[in-house]
Amino acid sequence: MVALIFPACLGISQSRAISTDWPNASDFLKVFGQLASHGNGPLLVEDPAVAEYYLPAGSQWQRWSSTRNIVLPSGANTGGPSGTAGVTGDGNAGVYAEFITHGYFSYIALNFADTTPLDHKLADQLHRDPHYHIIQVVPYGIEIPPIGQGTYVIWKYEPRR
């Protein structure tokens, strides 16, 4: 019986940590949910898993790309990490640049967390692109003193008329 106490306590503490460590995404889901539901264009979200799970538009899996891989309307993938980076590596910046230049994504949401170097390259390009505009900066995650709370920066594609 005593031999079971340590594994049980360890399991309980690990379960509690896993279930409470998720970042607070409620504000992001409110804002991005409205955007995703008012269109059918491709979406680029740095970490789309939470949004795909909770938002009605999440069932339209062909629309959702991440900063690791771009999903085409056919369902095919492109822009993924190099073979040496593995599946968790940053996507290919050059491929993303091409898709951004051609206005492929209706909305782009970056939080500069998991794929930070790629996010900064994409943000630099988005700031120079006359068709993409920041429409919202949304708090994300928990407050971490002295750093503060993370944010998602959301760009919208608006072609010139």
Protein backbone atom coordinates (compact mmCIF):
# COMPACT_ATOMS: atom_id res chain seq x y z
CA MET A 1 0.00 0.00 0.00
CA VAL A 2 2.79 2.41 0.92
CA ALA A 3 4.42 1.68 -2.46
CA LEU A 4 1.34 3.11 -4.20
CA ILE A 5 1.23 6.41 -2.29
CA PHE A 6 4.23 8.00 -4.05
CA PRO A 7 3.06 7.21 -7.61
CA ALA A 8 -0.48 8.34 -6.75
CA CYS A 9 0.75 11.66 -5.29
CA LEU A 10 3.05 12.19 -8.26
CA GLY A 11 0.23 11.46 -10.70
CA ILE A 12 -2.14 13.85 -8.92
CA SER A 13 0.40 16.70 -8.90
CA GLN A 14 1.26 16.14 -12.58
CA SER A 15 -2.41 16.05 -13.54
CA ARG A 16 -3.06 19.29 -11.67
CA ALA A 17 -0.08 20.99 -13.35
CA ILE A 18 -1.12 19.85 -16.82
CA SER A 19 -4.76 20.86 -16.37
CA THR A 20 -3.95 24.35 -15.02
CA ASP A 21 -0.97 25.32 -17.20
CA TRP A 22 -3.00 26.10 -20.33
CA PRO A 23 -2.75 29.76 -21.31
CA ASN A 24 -5.90 31.85 -20.97
CA ALA A 25 -7.17 32.07 -24.54
CA SER A 26 -10.69 33.39 -23.87
CA ASP A 27 -10.07 36.93 -25.19
CA PHE A 28 -8.30 35.63 -28.27
CA LEU A 29 -11.10 33.14 -28.96
CA LYS A 30 -13.76 35.88 -28.70
CA VAL A 31 -11.96 38.17 -31.14
CA PHE A 32 -10.62 35.61 -33.58
CA GLY A 33 -13.83 33.58 -33.49
CA GLN A 34 -15.78 36.51 -34.90
CA LEU A 35 -13.19 37.05 -37.63
CA ALA A 36 -13.00 33.39 -38.62
CA SER A 37 -16.78 33.04 -38.77
CA HIS A 38 -17.23 36.02 -41.12
CA GLY A 39 -15.42 34.53 -44.07
CA ASN A 40 -14.04 31.40 -45.58
CA GLY A 41 -10.48 32.41 -46.45
CA PRO A 42 -7.29 30.76 -45.20
CA LEU A 43 -6.14 31.60 -41.67
CA LEU A 44 -2.58 31.61 -40.35
CA VAL A 45 -2.42 31.25 -36.56
CA GLU A 46 0.84 30.56 -34.76
CA ASP A 47 -0.75 27.97 -32.48
CA PRO A 48 -4.13 27.12 -34.02
CA ALA A 49 -4.97 24.04 -31.91
CA VAL A 50 -6.98 25.86 -29.22
CA ALA A 51 -8.88 27.98 -31.76
CA GLU A 52 -9.55 24.98 -34.01
CA TYR A 53 -10.91 23.04 -31.05
CA TYR A 54 -13.17 25.72 -29.56
CA LEU A 55 -14.35 27.72 -32.57
CA PRO A 56 -17.07 26.58 -35.01
CA ALA A 57 -14.75 27.49 -37.91
CA GLY A 58 -12.24 24.99 -36.51
CA SER A 59 -14.07 22.17 -38.24
CA GLN A 60 -13.03 23.72 -41.57
CA TRP A 61 -9.55 22.24 -41.22
CA GLN A 62 -8.44 23.23 -44.74
CA ARG A 63 -8.52 26.90 -43.69
CA TRP A 64 -6.07 26.60 -40.78
CA SER A 65 -2.33 26.94 -41.19
CA SER A 66 0.28 27.31 -38.46
CA THR A 67 3.77 28.77 -38.39
CA ARG A 68 5.03 25.24 -38.88
CA ASN A 69 3.06 24.37 -42.01
CA ILE A 70 0.71 25.90 -44.60
CA VAL A 71 -2.45 24.01 -45.56
CA LEU A 72 -3.62 24.49 -49.13
CA PRO A 73 -7.33 24.46 -50.11
CA SER A 74 -6.81 20.97 -51.53
CA GLY A 75 -5.69 19.78 -48.11
CA ALA A 76 -2.08 19.40 -49.26
CA ASN A 77 0.66 20.85 -47.06
CA THR A 78 3.53 23.13 -47.98
CA GLY A 79 5.93 25.48 -46.23
CA GLY A 80 6.74 23.02 -43.50
CA PRO A 81 9.99 22.79 -41.59
CA SER A 82 13.13 21.57 -43.25
CA GLY A 83 13.77 17.86 -43.00
CA THR A 84 16.49 18.46 -40.42
CA ALA A 85 14.17 20.53 -38.17
CA GLY A 86 11.60 17.79 -37.68
CA VAL A 87 7.86 18.40 -37.48
CA THR A 88 8.17 20.87 -34.62
CA GLY A 89 10.53 23.24 -36.44
CA ASP A 90 9.61 26.66 -37.78
CA GLY A 91 8.11 26.78 -41.26
CA ASN A 92 10.16 27.94 -44.24
CA ALA A 93 10.20 31.77 -44.15
CA GLY A 94 10.59 32.04 -47.93
CA VAL A 95 7.49 29.96 -48.58
CA TYR A 96 5.45 32.01 -46.11
CA ALA A 97 6.72 35.20 -47.77
CA GLU A 98 5.37 34.03 -51.13
CA PHE A 99 1.95 33.25 -49.70
CA ILE A 100 1.80 36.58 -47.87
CA THR A 101 2.90 38.51 -50.97
CA HIS A 102 0.04 36.91 -52.92
CA GLY A 103 -2.52 37.69 -50.19
CA TYR A 104 -3.24 34.05 -49.48
CA PHE A 105 -4.23 34.46 -45.80
CA SER A 106 -7.37 36.38 -44.84
CA TYR A 107 -6.11 36.78 -41.28
CA ILE A 108 -2.75 36.18 -39.62
CA ALA A 109 -2.38 35.89 -35.84
CA LEU A 110 1.10 35.68 -34.32
CA ASN A 111 2.00 35.53 -30.62
CA PHE A 112 5.81 35.46 -30.95
CA ALA A 113 6.13 32.47 -28.62
CA ASP A 114 6.79 29.07 -30.21
CA THR A 115 8.26 30.12 -33.56
CA THR A 116 9.70 33.47 -32.49
CA PRO A 117 12.38 33.95 -35.20
CA LEU A 118 9.90 33.11 -37.98
CA ASP A 119 7.22 35.33 -36.40
CA HIS A 120 9.56 38.32 -36.44
CA LYS A 121 10.41 37.73 -40.11
CA LEU A 122 6.72 37.46 -40.97
CA ALA A 123 5.84 40.55 -38.92
CA ASP A 124 8.55 42.57 -40.71
CA GLN A 125 7.10 41.53 -44.05
CA LEU A 126 3.52 42.21 -42.94
CA HIS A 127 4.46 45.73 -41.77
CA ARG A 128 5.87 46.46 -45.25
CA ASP A 129 2.97 44.89 -47.17
CA PRO A 130 0.35 47.53 -48.10
CA HIS A 131 -2.46 44.93 -48.09
CA TYR A 132 -2.07 43.61 -44.53
CA HIS A 133 -3.04 45.78 -41.58
CA ILE A 134 -3.00 45.17 -37.83
CA ILE A 135 -6.60 45.15 -36.70
CA GLN A 136 -6.26 43.89 -33.14
CA VAL A 137 -3.75 43.12 -30.39
CA VAL A 138 -5.29 40.61 -27.99
CA PRO A 139 -4.00 39.56 -24.54
CA TYR A 140 -3.13 35.89 -24.35
CA GLY A 141 -1.92 33.65 -21.58
CA ILE A 142 -1.22 34.46 -17.99
CA GLU A 143 0.50 37.44 -16.42
CA ILE A 144 4.18 36.64 -15.81
CA PRO A 145 5.88 39.37 -13.76
CA PRO A 146 7.98 41.25 -14.81
CA ILE A 147 7.43 40.19 -18.43
CA GLY A 148 3.69 40.77 -18.47
CA GLN A 149 1.03 38.98 -20.45
CA GLY A 150 1.56 37.65 -23.95
CA THR A 151 -0.39 38.97 -26.92
CA TYR A 152 -1.62 37.85 -30.29
CA VAL A 153 -1.17 40.44 -33.03
CA ILE A 154 -3.83 39.98 -35.73
CA TRP A 155 -3.41 41.23 -39.31
CA LYS A 156 -6.17 41.36 -41.91
CA TYR A 157 -5.68 41.17 -45.67
CA GLU A 158 -7.39 44.07 -47.41
CA PRO A 159 -6.64 44.37 -51.12
CA ARG A 160 -6.58 47.84 -52.61
CA ARG A 161 -9.49 48.67 -54.83
